[in-house]
């Protein structure tokens, strides 16, 4: 990542962030790989919050989690509205939505059709993290 510690790359970071958003009750968390298809970022991470308060809280978590990994947000948009908050972390852009707004803009379909969506089957880091999680 452009402004992160050397110890973590953008793919590792986005996978860790996905797990963190899952832990924070983000819903339908998706990672879209845009490498080679976008000049402005490598990954989108998209998550749904249950309310404007939850979306704002998820945005705060993304910012805090990134900061803990030495990554500083280049910009945050929409925090005041809470329907859609975008957190630009350079190589990773987080889109945090309320359900209705996510359906309206449908970034999953728009960008996902032209891009490979990372999932546990394709990602050794996600598969390893899931395998090491304690069962509930």
N, C-alpha and C. Protein backbone atom coordinates (compact mmCIF):
# COMPACT_ATOMS: atom_id res chain seq x y z
N UNK A 1 0.86 -1.18 0.00
CA UNK A 1 0.00 0.00 0.00
C UNK A 1 0.90 1.23 0.00
N UNK A 2 0.41 2.29 -0.53
CA UNK A 2 1.25 3.46 -0.73
C UNK A 2 1.69 4.12 0.56
N UNK A 3 0.89 4.06 1.60
CA UNK A 3 1.29 4.74 2.84
C UNK A 3 1.23 3.81 4.05
N UNK A 4 1.45 2.54 3.83
CA UNK A 4 1.41 1.59 4.93
C UNK A 4 2.80 1.10 5.27
N UNK A 5 2.88 0.37 6.36
CA UNK A 5 4.13 -0.28 6.73
C UNK A 5 4.50 -1.29 5.65
N UNK A 6 5.78 -1.55 5.49
CA UNK A 6 6.24 -2.51 4.49
C UNK A 6 5.77 -3.93 4.78
N UNK A 7 5.36 -4.22 6.00
CA UNK A 7 5.05 -5.58 6.41
C UNK A 7 3.72 -6.09 5.85
N UNK A 8 2.89 -5.25 5.27
CA UNK A 8 1.58 -5.68 4.81
C UNK A 8 1.32 -5.10 3.42
N UNK A 9 0.80 -5.94 2.52
CA UNK A 9 0.45 -5.43 1.20
C UNK A 9 -1.05 -5.18 1.13
N UNK A 10 -1.50 -4.60 0.03
CA UNK A 10 -2.91 -4.22 -0.06
C UNK A 10 -3.85 -5.42 -0.03
N UNK A 11 -3.45 -6.55 -0.61
CA UNK A 11 -4.31 -7.73 -0.59
C UNK A 11 -4.46 -8.27 0.83
N UNK A 12 -3.36 -8.34 1.56
CA UNK A 12 -3.42 -8.79 2.95
C UNK A 12 -4.27 -7.84 3.78
N UNK A 13 -4.07 -6.54 3.59
CA UNK A 13 -4.83 -5.57 4.37
C UNK A 13 -6.32 -5.67 4.09
N UNK A 14 -6.72 -5.76 2.82
CA UNK A 14 -8.15 -5.79 2.50
C UNK A 14 -8.79 -7.06 3.06
N UNK A 15 -8.05 -8.16 3.09
CA UNK A 15 -8.58 -9.39 3.66
C UNK A 15 -8.78 -9.26 5.17
N UNK A 16 -7.80 -8.65 5.84
CA UNK A 16 -7.94 -8.41 7.28
C UNK A 16 -9.09 -7.46 7.57
N UNK A 17 -9.22 -6.42 6.74
CA UNK A 17 -10.30 -5.45 6.92
C UNK A 17 -11.66 -6.12 6.71
N UNK A 18 -11.75 -7.02 5.74
CA UNK A 18 -13.01 -7.74 5.52
C UNK A 18 -13.40 -8.52 6.78
N UNK A 19 -12.45 -9.23 7.36
CA UNK A 19 -12.73 -9.97 8.59
C UNK A 19 -13.14 -9.03 9.72
N UNK A 20 -12.49 -7.87 9.80
CA UNK A 20 -12.81 -6.90 10.84
C UNK A 20 -14.24 -6.37 10.67
N UNK A 21 -14.63 -6.06 9.43
CA UNK A 21 -15.99 -5.59 9.19
C UNK A 21 -17.01 -6.69 9.50
N UNK A 22 -16.69 -7.93 9.19
CA UNK A 22 -17.56 -9.04 9.57
C UNK A 22 -17.73 -9.09 11.09
N UNK A 23 -16.63 -8.94 11.81
CA UNK A 23 -16.67 -8.95 13.27
C UNK A 23 -17.50 -7.80 13.83
N UNK A 24 -17.55 -6.70 13.12
CA UNK A 24 -18.29 -5.52 13.57
C UNK A 24 -19.72 -5.51 13.04
N UNK A 25 -20.16 -6.68 12.59
CA UNK A 25 -21.54 -6.90 12.13
C UNK A 25 -21.87 -6.18 10.84
N UNK A 26 -20.83 -5.88 10.03
CA UNK A 26 -21.09 -5.44 8.67
C UNK A 26 -21.73 -6.60 7.92
N UNK A 27 -22.71 -6.29 7.09
CA UNK A 27 -23.43 -7.34 6.37
C UNK A 27 -23.00 -7.37 4.91
N UNK A 28 -23.08 -8.54 4.30
CA UNK A 28 -22.77 -8.72 2.88
C UNK A 28 -21.44 -8.07 2.49
N UNK A 29 -20.40 -8.35 3.26
CA UNK A 29 -19.10 -7.74 3.01
C UNK A 29 -18.48 -8.41 1.79
N UNK A 30 -18.16 -7.61 0.79
CA UNK A 30 -17.57 -8.10 -0.46
C UNK A 30 -16.27 -7.37 -0.74
N UNK A 31 -15.30 -8.07 -1.28
CA UNK A 31 -14.06 -7.47 -1.77
C UNK A 31 -14.04 -7.65 -3.27
N UNK A 32 -13.82 -6.56 -4.00
CA UNK A 32 -13.73 -6.61 -5.45
C UNK A 32 -12.31 -6.22 -5.85
N UNK A 33 -11.67 -7.10 -6.58
CA UNK A 33 -10.30 -6.91 -7.03
C UNK A 33 -10.32 -6.08 -8.32
N UNK A 34 -9.76 -4.89 -8.26
CA UNK A 34 -9.73 -3.99 -9.42
C UNK A 34 -8.34 -3.84 -10.02
N UNK A 35 -7.39 -4.63 -9.53
CA UNK A 35 -6.03 -4.52 -10.05
C UNK A 35 -6.03 -4.78 -11.56
N UNK A 36 -5.39 -3.87 -12.28
CA UNK A 36 -5.33 -3.98 -13.73
C UNK A 36 -6.57 -3.46 -14.43
N UNK A 37 -7.58 -3.03 -13.69
CA UNK A 37 -8.82 -2.54 -14.28
C UNK A 37 -9.15 -1.11 -13.86
N UNK A 38 -8.42 -0.61 -12.90
CA UNK A 38 -8.68 0.73 -12.37
C UNK A 38 -7.37 1.44 -12.12
N UNK A 39 -7.34 2.71 -12.47
CA UNK A 39 -6.13 3.51 -12.22
C UNK A 39 -6.13 4.14 -10.84
N UNK A 40 -7.27 4.12 -10.15
CA UNK A 40 -7.38 4.87 -8.89
C UNK A 40 -7.31 4.02 -7.64
N UNK A 41 -7.51 2.70 -7.74
CA UNK A 41 -7.43 1.84 -6.55
C UNK A 41 -7.26 0.40 -6.98
N UNK A 42 -6.83 -0.44 -6.05
CA UNK A 42 -6.68 -1.87 -6.33
C UNK A 42 -7.89 -2.69 -5.89
N UNK A 43 -8.54 -2.25 -4.81
CA UNK A 43 -9.66 -3.02 -4.25
C UNK A 43 -10.78 -2.09 -3.79
N UNK A 44 -12.00 -2.55 -4.00
CA UNK A 44 -13.16 -2.01 -3.30
C UNK A 44 -13.50 -3.02 -2.23
N UNK A 45 -13.88 -2.53 -1.06
CA UNK A 45 -14.52 -3.37 -0.06
C UNK A 45 -15.87 -2.72 0.21
N UNK A 46 -16.91 -3.51 0.10
CA UNK A 46 -18.28 -3.00 0.19
C UNK A 46 -18.98 -3.74 1.33
N UNK A 47 -19.65 -2.96 2.19
CA UNK A 47 -20.38 -3.56 3.31
C UNK A 47 -21.67 -2.80 3.55
N UNK A 48 -22.62 -3.48 4.14
CA UNK A 48 -23.91 -2.89 4.46
C UNK A 48 -24.05 -2.76 5.97
N UNK A 49 -24.56 -1.60 6.39
CA UNK A 49 -24.90 -1.36 7.79
C UNK A 49 -26.41 -1.33 7.96
N UNK A 50 -26.87 -1.63 9.16
CA UNK A 50 -28.30 -1.72 9.43
C UNK A 50 -29.00 -0.37 9.56
N UNK A 51 -28.24 0.69 9.83
CA UNK A 51 -28.81 2.03 10.02
C UNK A 51 -27.74 3.06 9.69
N UNK A 52 -28.12 4.32 9.66
CA UNK A 52 -27.12 5.37 9.40
C UNK A 52 -26.08 5.40 10.52
N UNK A 53 -26.50 5.13 11.73
CA UNK A 53 -25.56 5.09 12.86
C UNK A 53 -24.57 3.94 12.68
N UNK A 54 -25.07 2.77 12.27
CA UNK A 54 -24.20 1.62 12.06
C UNK A 54 -23.23 1.88 10.91
N UNK A 55 -23.69 2.49 9.82
CA UNK A 55 -22.81 2.82 8.69
C UNK A 55 -21.71 3.77 9.16
N UNK A 56 -22.06 4.79 9.95
CA UNK A 56 -21.06 5.71 10.48
C UNK A 56 -20.06 5.01 11.39
N UNK A 57 -20.56 4.08 12.19
CA UNK A 57 -19.69 3.31 13.08
C UNK A 57 -18.74 2.43 12.28
N UNK A 58 -19.23 1.80 11.21
CA UNK A 58 -18.37 0.99 10.35
C UNK A 58 -17.29 1.86 9.71
N UNK A 59 -17.65 3.07 9.29
CA UNK A 59 -16.66 3.99 8.70
C UNK A 59 -15.59 4.34 9.73
N UNK A 60 -16.01 4.61 10.96
CA UNK A 60 -15.04 4.90 12.02
C UNK A 60 -14.12 3.71 12.25
N UNK A 61 -14.68 2.49 12.19
CA UNK A 61 -13.88 1.27 12.38
C UNK A 61 -12.87 1.09 11.26
N UNK A 62 -13.29 1.37 10.02
CA UNK A 62 -12.37 1.27 8.89
C UNK A 62 -11.20 2.23 9.10
N UNK A 63 -11.50 3.46 9.47
CA UNK A 63 -10.47 4.47 9.68
C UNK A 63 -9.53 4.06 10.83
N UNK A 64 -10.10 3.59 11.92
CA UNK A 64 -9.30 3.18 13.08
C UNK A 64 -8.43 1.97 12.74
N UNK A 65 -9.01 0.98 12.11
CA UNK A 65 -8.30 -0.24 11.75
C UNK A 65 -7.15 0.07 10.78
N UNK A 66 -7.41 0.92 9.81
CA UNK A 66 -6.37 1.32 8.86
C UNK A 66 -5.24 2.03 9.59
N UNK A 67 -5.60 2.94 10.48
CA UNK A 67 -4.58 3.68 11.24
C UNK A 67 -3.71 2.73 12.05
N UNK A 68 -4.31 1.71 12.65
CA UNK A 68 -3.55 0.71 13.41
C UNK A 68 -2.55 -0.04 12.53
N UNK A 69 -2.82 -0.08 11.23
CA UNK A 69 -1.92 -0.76 10.29
C UNK A 69 -1.04 0.24 9.53
N UNK A 70 -0.97 1.47 10.03
CA UNK A 70 -0.09 2.47 9.44
C UNK A 70 -0.62 3.09 8.16
N UNK A 71 -1.92 2.98 7.92
CA UNK A 71 -2.54 3.51 6.71
C UNK A 71 -3.45 4.66 7.12
N UNK A 72 -3.31 5.77 6.44
CA UNK A 72 -4.11 6.95 6.78
C UNK A 72 -5.07 7.27 5.64
N UNK A 73 -6.32 7.51 5.99
CA UNK A 73 -7.34 7.81 4.99
C UNK A 73 -6.96 9.05 4.21
N UNK A 74 -7.09 8.95 2.89
CA UNK A 74 -6.84 10.09 2.03
C UNK A 74 -8.08 10.95 1.90
N UNK A 75 -9.22 10.39 2.27
CA UNK A 75 -10.46 11.14 2.24
C UNK A 75 -11.61 10.30 2.76
N UNK A 76 -12.59 10.98 3.33
CA UNK A 76 -13.82 10.33 3.79
C UNK A 76 -14.98 11.20 3.29
N UNK A 77 -15.92 10.59 2.60
CA UNK A 77 -17.07 11.31 2.06
C UNK A 77 -18.36 10.69 2.56
N UNK A 78 -19.36 11.54 2.85
CA UNK A 78 -20.69 11.07 3.19
C UNK A 78 -20.92 10.76 4.66
N UNK A 79 -19.94 11.04 5.51
CA UNK A 79 -20.08 10.70 6.92
C UNK A 79 -21.30 11.37 7.55
N UNK A 80 -21.60 12.58 7.17
CA UNK A 80 -22.74 13.30 7.74
C UNK A 80 -24.09 12.73 7.37
N UNK A 81 -24.20 12.14 6.17
CA UNK A 81 -25.48 11.59 5.73
C UNK A 81 -25.72 10.20 6.28
N UNK A 82 -24.71 9.35 6.26
CA UNK A 82 -24.83 8.01 6.83
C UNK A 82 -25.48 6.98 5.94
N UNK A 83 -25.93 7.35 4.74
CA UNK A 83 -26.50 6.37 3.83
C UNK A 83 -25.44 5.66 3.02
N UNK A 84 -24.37 6.40 2.68
CA UNK A 84 -23.24 5.86 1.94
C UNK A 84 -22.01 6.62 2.38
N UNK A 85 -21.08 5.94 2.99
CA UNK A 85 -19.82 6.57 3.40
C UNK A 85 -18.70 5.89 2.62
N UNK A 86 -17.87 6.70 2.00
CA UNK A 86 -16.71 6.21 1.25
C UNK A 86 -15.46 6.59 2.03
N UNK A 87 -14.60 5.61 2.28
CA UNK A 87 -13.32 5.85 2.95
C UNK A 87 -12.22 5.47 1.97
N UNK A 88 -11.48 6.47 1.51
CA UNK A 88 -10.41 6.27 0.53
C UNK A 88 -9.09 6.03 1.27
N UNK A 89 -8.59 4.81 1.15
CA UNK A 89 -7.33 4.44 1.80
C UNK A 89 -6.22 4.25 0.77
N UNK A 90 -6.42 4.79 -0.42
CA UNK A 90 -5.43 4.66 -1.49
C UNK A 90 -5.66 3.40 -2.28
N UNK A 91 -4.93 2.35 -1.98
CA UNK A 91 -5.06 1.07 -2.70
C UNK A 91 -6.35 0.34 -2.38
N UNK A 92 -7.03 0.75 -1.33
CA UNK A 92 -8.31 0.16 -0.93
C UNK A 92 -9.30 1.29 -0.71
N UNK A 93 -10.49 1.16 -1.31
CA UNK A 93 -11.57 2.12 -1.08
C UNK A 93 -12.73 1.36 -0.46
N UNK A 94 -13.15 1.80 0.72
CA UNK A 94 -14.28 1.16 1.41
C UNK A 94 -15.56 1.93 1.11
N UNK A 95 -16.59 1.20 0.71
CA UNK A 95 -17.93 1.75 0.48
C UNK A 95 -18.84 1.12 1.52
N UNK A 96 -19.42 1.93 2.37
CA UNK A 96 -20.27 1.46 3.46
C UNK A 96 -21.66 2.03 3.23
N UNK A 97 -22.64 1.17 3.09
CA UNK A 97 -23.97 1.56 2.67
C UNK A 97 -25.05 1.13 3.65
N UNK A 98 -26.18 1.84 3.61
CA UNK A 98 -27.43 1.29 4.10
C UNK A 98 -27.98 0.42 2.96
N UNK A 99 -28.75 -0.58 3.30
CA UNK A 99 -29.20 -1.58 2.32
C UNK A 99 -29.86 -0.98 1.08
N UNK A 100 -30.78 -0.04 1.25
CA UNK A 100 -31.53 0.51 0.11
C UNK A 100 -30.59 1.25 -0.84
N UNK A 101 -29.64 1.96 -0.29
CA UNK A 101 -28.72 2.74 -1.12
C UNK A 101 -27.74 1.82 -1.83
N UNK A 102 -27.32 0.76 -1.15
CA UNK A 102 -26.44 -0.22 -1.82
C UNK A 102 -27.15 -0.83 -3.01
N UNK A 103 -28.43 -1.19 -2.85
CA UNK A 103 -29.19 -1.75 -3.97
C UNK A 103 -29.31 -0.74 -5.10
N UNK A 104 -29.52 0.53 -4.77
CA UNK A 104 -29.71 1.57 -5.78
C UNK A 104 -28.46 1.73 -6.65
N UNK A 105 -27.29 1.80 -6.04
CA UNK A 105 -26.07 2.03 -6.80
C UNK A 105 -25.45 0.74 -7.33
N UNK A 106 -25.69 -0.37 -6.68
CA UNK A 106 -25.30 -1.70 -7.13
C UNK A 106 -23.85 -1.79 -7.62
N UNK A 107 -22.93 -1.29 -6.79
CA UNK A 107 -21.51 -1.35 -7.15
C UNK A 107 -21.02 -2.78 -7.29
N UNK A 108 -21.62 -3.70 -6.54
CA UNK A 108 -21.23 -5.11 -6.61
C UNK A 108 -21.36 -5.60 -8.06
N UNK A 109 -22.49 -5.31 -8.68
CA UNK A 109 -22.73 -5.75 -10.05
C UNK A 109 -21.92 -4.92 -11.02
N UNK A 110 -21.93 -3.61 -10.85
CA UNK A 110 -21.25 -2.71 -11.77
C UNK A 110 -19.76 -3.03 -11.89
N UNK A 111 -19.09 -3.18 -10.76
CA UNK A 111 -17.65 -3.46 -10.76
C UNK A 111 -17.35 -4.95 -10.71
N UNK A 112 -18.23 -5.73 -10.11
CA UNK A 112 -17.98 -7.15 -9.96
C UNK A 112 -18.03 -7.92 -11.26
N UNK A 113 -18.86 -7.48 -12.21
CA UNK A 113 -18.94 -8.17 -13.50
C UNK A 113 -17.63 -8.08 -14.26
N UNK A 114 -16.93 -6.97 -14.10
CA UNK A 114 -15.68 -6.78 -14.84
C UNK A 114 -14.47 -7.15 -14.02
N UNK A 115 -14.67 -7.61 -12.81
CA UNK A 115 -13.57 -7.85 -11.90
C UNK A 115 -13.70 -9.20 -11.22
N UNK A 116 -12.59 -9.69 -10.78
CA UNK A 116 -12.57 -10.93 -9.99
C UNK A 116 -12.88 -10.56 -8.56
N UNK A 117 -13.90 -11.19 -8.00
CA UNK A 117 -14.25 -10.95 -6.60
C UNK A 117 -13.48 -11.94 -5.75
N UNK A 118 -12.71 -11.43 -4.78
CA UNK A 118 -11.96 -12.31 -3.89
C UNK A 118 -12.92 -13.00 -2.93
N UNK A 119 -12.72 -14.26 -2.76
CA UNK A 119 -13.47 -14.98 -1.74
C UNK A 119 -12.52 -15.95 -1.06
N UNK A 120 -13.03 -16.66 -0.09
CA UNK A 120 -12.19 -17.56 0.69
C UNK A 120 -11.52 -18.63 -0.15
N UNK A 121 -12.20 -19.09 -1.21
CA UNK A 121 -11.62 -20.13 -2.05
C UNK A 121 -10.41 -19.63 -2.83
N UNK A 122 -10.36 -18.33 -3.13
CA UNK A 122 -9.26 -17.77 -3.91
C UNK A 122 -8.17 -17.18 -3.04
N UNK A 123 -8.43 -17.00 -1.78
CA UNK A 123 -7.52 -16.26 -0.92
C UNK A 123 -6.98 -17.13 0.20
N UNK A 124 -5.69 -17.45 0.15
CA UNK A 124 -5.13 -18.26 1.23
C UNK A 124 -5.16 -17.57 2.58
N UNK A 125 -5.08 -16.24 2.60
CA UNK A 125 -5.12 -15.52 3.88
C UNK A 125 -6.51 -15.63 4.50
N UNK A 126 -7.58 -15.44 3.69
CA UNK A 126 -8.94 -15.56 4.22
C UNK A 126 -9.21 -17.00 4.66
N UNK A 127 -8.81 -17.97 3.86
CA UNK A 127 -9.04 -19.37 4.21
C UNK A 127 -8.33 -19.74 5.50
N UNK A 128 -7.09 -19.26 5.68
CA UNK A 128 -6.32 -19.53 6.88
C UNK A 128 -6.97 -18.87 8.10
N UNK A 129 -7.40 -17.60 7.93
CA UNK A 129 -8.03 -16.87 9.03
C UNK A 129 -9.30 -17.57 9.48
N UNK A 130 -10.10 -18.02 8.50
CA UNK A 130 -11.35 -18.68 8.84
C UNK A 130 -11.10 -20.02 9.56
N UNK A 131 -10.10 -20.74 9.09
CA UNK A 131 -9.80 -22.04 9.68
C UNK A 131 -9.31 -21.91 11.12
N UNK A 132 -8.67 -20.78 11.44
CA UNK A 132 -8.12 -20.61 12.78
C UNK A 132 -9.10 -19.94 13.75
N UNK A 133 -10.28 -19.50 13.24
CA UNK A 133 -11.27 -18.88 14.13
C UNK A 133 -11.88 -19.92 15.04
N UNK A 134 -12.06 -19.58 16.32
CA UNK A 134 -12.70 -20.53 17.24
C UNK A 134 -14.18 -20.70 16.88
N UNK A 135 -14.68 -21.88 17.04
CA UNK A 135 -16.09 -22.12 16.75
C UNK A 135 -16.94 -21.55 17.86
N UNK A 136 -18.12 -21.03 17.46
CA UNK A 136 -19.03 -20.40 18.44
C UNK A 136 -19.79 -21.42 19.21
